[in-house]
Every structure is written in structure tokens, then in C-alpha cells.
Amino acid sequence: MKLLMIYCNTFAYSTNVKNLESVKEYDENENFENTLVGFIQVEKKDEEDLSRIETKMIKNLKWAAKKNDTSKIVLHSFAHLSMSKADETTTKEMFDRTEKRLDKSGYETSQTPFGYFLDLDVQAPGKSLARIFKEF
């Protein structure tokens, strides 16, 4: 798994191009303030031990959110961090489980529309720990 975490003063998106036939249609615009965005690439090798990978991702997201003094987390599927991609159903199911687990832990968690290219507006401060990359 590849996980790029960016703390954003403002993070906004709007749906642009649907790139997976299996997902439903969205026409969505969202705006978040004071949030940690996880740009997440689930890789093929992760399918061997999804539970361990999911737990590591959640721990890293919680840690980074705490370091940036926010309880808001946005999960964004970003299949551009690696050439290896897990099955799309597996990836979406992991995102759904992760969102539920973070919600149960007191985080305000959202997901960007899965299977879409999005127009993004990322306003991130230039401070230590505002941008963190993890690979596991």
C-alpha cells in the first residue's frame, strides 16, 4: 500500500470523468476545511493480508490527523502511486471498512467518489507533517 497524507486548510473536489463502469453515476461537489486527505493506493500484494494493511493505514491516518490537530479525514482512491493495483471491489470494500472504523473512533470521515477522475482544489500549508508518505 502507498499512502500519501496531506493536511489541507481547504480540500474541494467535483466529479469530472467516470472511469469505472461498475460504479454509480455521481455529479458531486464537496468542500472540506481543516482536514487530512489520504491519497491511497491499494496494491495487488495487499490482498494477501488486507486486515493488517487496513489497520496500519488507519493507525497512520489517526496519527497524522492528531499531529495536524484535526478530527476530519477524507479517503481518496489515488491509483497513481504504484503500477500495482488491487481488485477494484477489494479496494472499495477496504475504504468502506476504514471509514466505519474511523467514524467509530470519533473521526469525521468521508470518501471521494470511487471510480472517478476528480477536479481537485488542494490548499495545504507549508509546514512540517502537513505532507507524509508511507509505504507498507
Protein backbone atom coordinates (compact mmCIF):
# COMPACT_ATOMS: atom_id res chain seq x y z
CA MET A 1 0.00 0.00 0.00
CA LYS A 2 1.02 3.52 -0.73
CA LEU A 3 -0.43 6.29 1.43
CA LEU A 4 0.15 9.98 0.80
CA MET A 5 -1.37 12.09 3.56
CA ILE A 6 -1.82 15.81 3.03
CA TYR A 7 -3.25 18.09 5.67
CA CYS A 8 -5.38 20.71 3.91
CA ASN A 9 -6.70 24.05 5.06
CA THR A 10 -9.17 23.52 2.22
CA PHE A 11 -9.81 20.44 0.10
CA ALA A 12 -12.51 20.52 -2.56
CA TYR A 13 -13.48 18.26 -5.42
CA SER A 14 -16.01 17.92 -8.17
CA THR A 15 -16.67 14.82 -10.24
CA ASN A 16 -15.32 15.00 -13.75
CA VAL A 17 -14.91 11.69 -15.63
CA LYS A 18 -16.26 8.29 -14.57
CA ASN A 19 -13.51 5.74 -15.18
CA LEU A 20 -15.07 2.56 -13.76
CA GLU A 21 -18.21 1.14 -15.36
CA SER A 22 -19.13 -0.71 -12.17
CA VAL A 23 -19.74 2.42 -10.07
CA LYS A 24 -22.88 4.51 -9.93
CA GLU A 25 -23.25 7.92 -11.51
CA TYR A 26 -22.25 10.94 -9.43
CA ASP A 27 -22.45 14.64 -10.06
CA GLU A 28 -20.92 15.88 -6.87
CA ASN A 29 -19.09 18.89 -5.45
CA GLU A 30 -17.73 18.89 -1.92
CA ASN A 31 -15.62 21.24 0.16
CA PHE A 32 -13.77 20.41 3.39
CA GLU A 33 -11.93 22.67 5.81
CA ASN A 34 -9.17 21.66 8.24
CA THR A 35 -8.96 18.07 7.02
CA LEU A 36 -6.43 15.32 6.44
CA VAL A 37 -6.71 13.76 2.98
CA GLY A 38 -5.41 10.25 2.48
CA PHE A 39 -4.41 9.61 -1.15
CA ILE A 40 -4.49 5.81 -1.08
CA GLN A 41 -3.21 3.16 -3.49
CA VAL A 42 -4.13 -0.40 -2.50
CA GLU A 43 -1.75 -2.76 -4.29
CA LYS A 44 -2.19 -6.33 -5.51
CA LYS A 45 0.17 -7.70 -2.81
CA ASP A 46 -2.04 -6.13 -0.12
CA GLU A 47 -4.82 -8.60 -0.95
CA GLU A 48 -2.79 -11.29 0.85
CA ASP A 49 -3.19 -9.60 4.25
CA LEU A 50 -5.87 -6.92 3.98
CA SER A 51 -6.63 -6.82 7.69
CA ARG A 52 -3.02 -5.97 8.62
CA ILE A 53 -2.71 -3.36 5.85
CA GLU A 54 -6.04 -1.75 6.76
CA THR A 55 -5.04 -1.50 10.43
CA LYS A 56 -1.68 0.08 9.54
CA MET A 57 -3.39 2.60 7.28
CA ILE A 58 -5.89 3.55 9.99
CA LYS A 59 -3.13 3.98 12.59
CA ASN A 60 -1.18 6.23 10.21
CA LEU A 61 -4.26 8.32 9.34
CA LYS A 62 -5.12 8.79 13.03
CA TRP A 63 -1.54 9.73 13.87
CA ALA A 64 -1.29 12.28 11.07
CA ALA A 65 -4.71 13.75 11.90
CA LYS A 66 -3.67 14.17 15.54
CA LYS A 67 -0.35 15.79 14.55
CA ASN A 68 -2.29 18.28 12.39
CA ASP A 69 -4.92 18.94 15.08
CA THR A 70 -7.92 17.71 13.10
CA SER A 71 -10.55 15.03 13.52
CA LYS A 72 -11.61 15.20 9.85
CA ILE A 73 -10.29 12.65 7.37
CA VAL A 74 -11.09 12.26 3.66
CA LEU A 75 -10.25 8.96 1.93
CA HIS A 76 -9.35 9.35 -1.72
CA SER A 77 -8.53 6.45 -4.03
CA PHE A 78 -5.42 7.57 -5.89
CA ALA A 79 -4.35 4.79 -8.25
CA HIS A 80 -1.30 6.71 -9.45
CA LEU A 81 1.18 5.95 -6.67
CA SER A 82 2.09 2.48 -7.95
CA MET A 83 1.83 0.36 -11.07
CA SER A 84 0.28 -2.41 -8.99
CA LYS A 85 -3.46 -2.20 -8.32
CA ALA A 86 -5.66 -4.34 -6.12
CA ASP A 87 -9.03 -5.50 -7.40
CA GLU A 88 -11.45 -2.54 -7.50
CA THR A 89 -14.06 -4.37 -5.38
CA THR A 90 -11.45 -5.19 -2.74
CA THR A 91 -10.24 -1.59 -2.70
CA LYS A 92 -13.74 -0.13 -2.32
CA GLU A 93 -14.62 -2.60 0.45
CA MET A 94 -11.44 -1.62 2.32
CA PHE A 95 -12.34 2.06 2.01
CA ASP A 96 -15.83 1.38 3.38
CA ARG A 97 -14.48 -0.61 6.35
CA THR A 98 -11.86 2.06 7.03
CA GLU A 99 -14.47 4.81 7.01
CA LYS A 100 -16.64 2.89 9.50
CA ARG A 101 -13.72 2.17 11.81
CA LEU A 102 -12.57 5.79 11.79
CA ASP A 103 -16.14 7.00 12.42
CA LYS A 104 -16.40 4.64 15.41
CA SER A 105 -13.15 6.14 16.74
CA GLY A 106 -14.64 9.65 16.72
CA TYR A 107 -13.33 10.91 13.39
CA GLU A 108 -15.50 12.73 10.87
CA THR A 109 -14.69 10.62 7.82
CA SER A 110 -15.67 10.98 4.17
CA GLN A 111 -14.77 9.38 0.85
CA THR A 112 -14.42 10.95 -2.54
CA PRO A 113 -16.49 9.24 -5.26
CA PHE A 114 -14.79 5.95 -6.09
CA GLY A 115 -14.11 5.28 -9.76
CA TYR A 116 -13.96 8.90 -10.90
CA PHE A 117 -11.36 11.35 -12.01
CA LEU A 118 -12.00 14.47 -9.98
CA ASP A 119 -11.23 18.13 -10.31
CA LEU A 120 -9.30 18.89 -7.11
CA ASP A 121 -8.56 22.05 -5.19
CA VAL A 122 -5.89 21.40 -2.57
CA GLN A 123 -4.77 24.21 -0.29
CA ALA A 124 -2.12 22.83 2.02
CA PRO A 125 0.12 24.79 4.37
CA GLY A 126 3.87 24.53 4.05
CA LYS A 127 4.55 23.13 7.50
CA SER A 128 6.19 20.06 8.93
CA LEU A 129 3.93 16.98 8.94
CA ALA A 130 1.42 18.52 6.52
CA ARG A 131 2.63 16.05 3.87
CA ILE A 132 3.54 12.50 4.83
CA PHE A 133 4.17 9.46 2.63
CA LYS A 134 4.02 5.88 3.90
CA GLU A 135 4.53 2.57 2.17
CA PHE A 136 3.67 -0.77 3.74
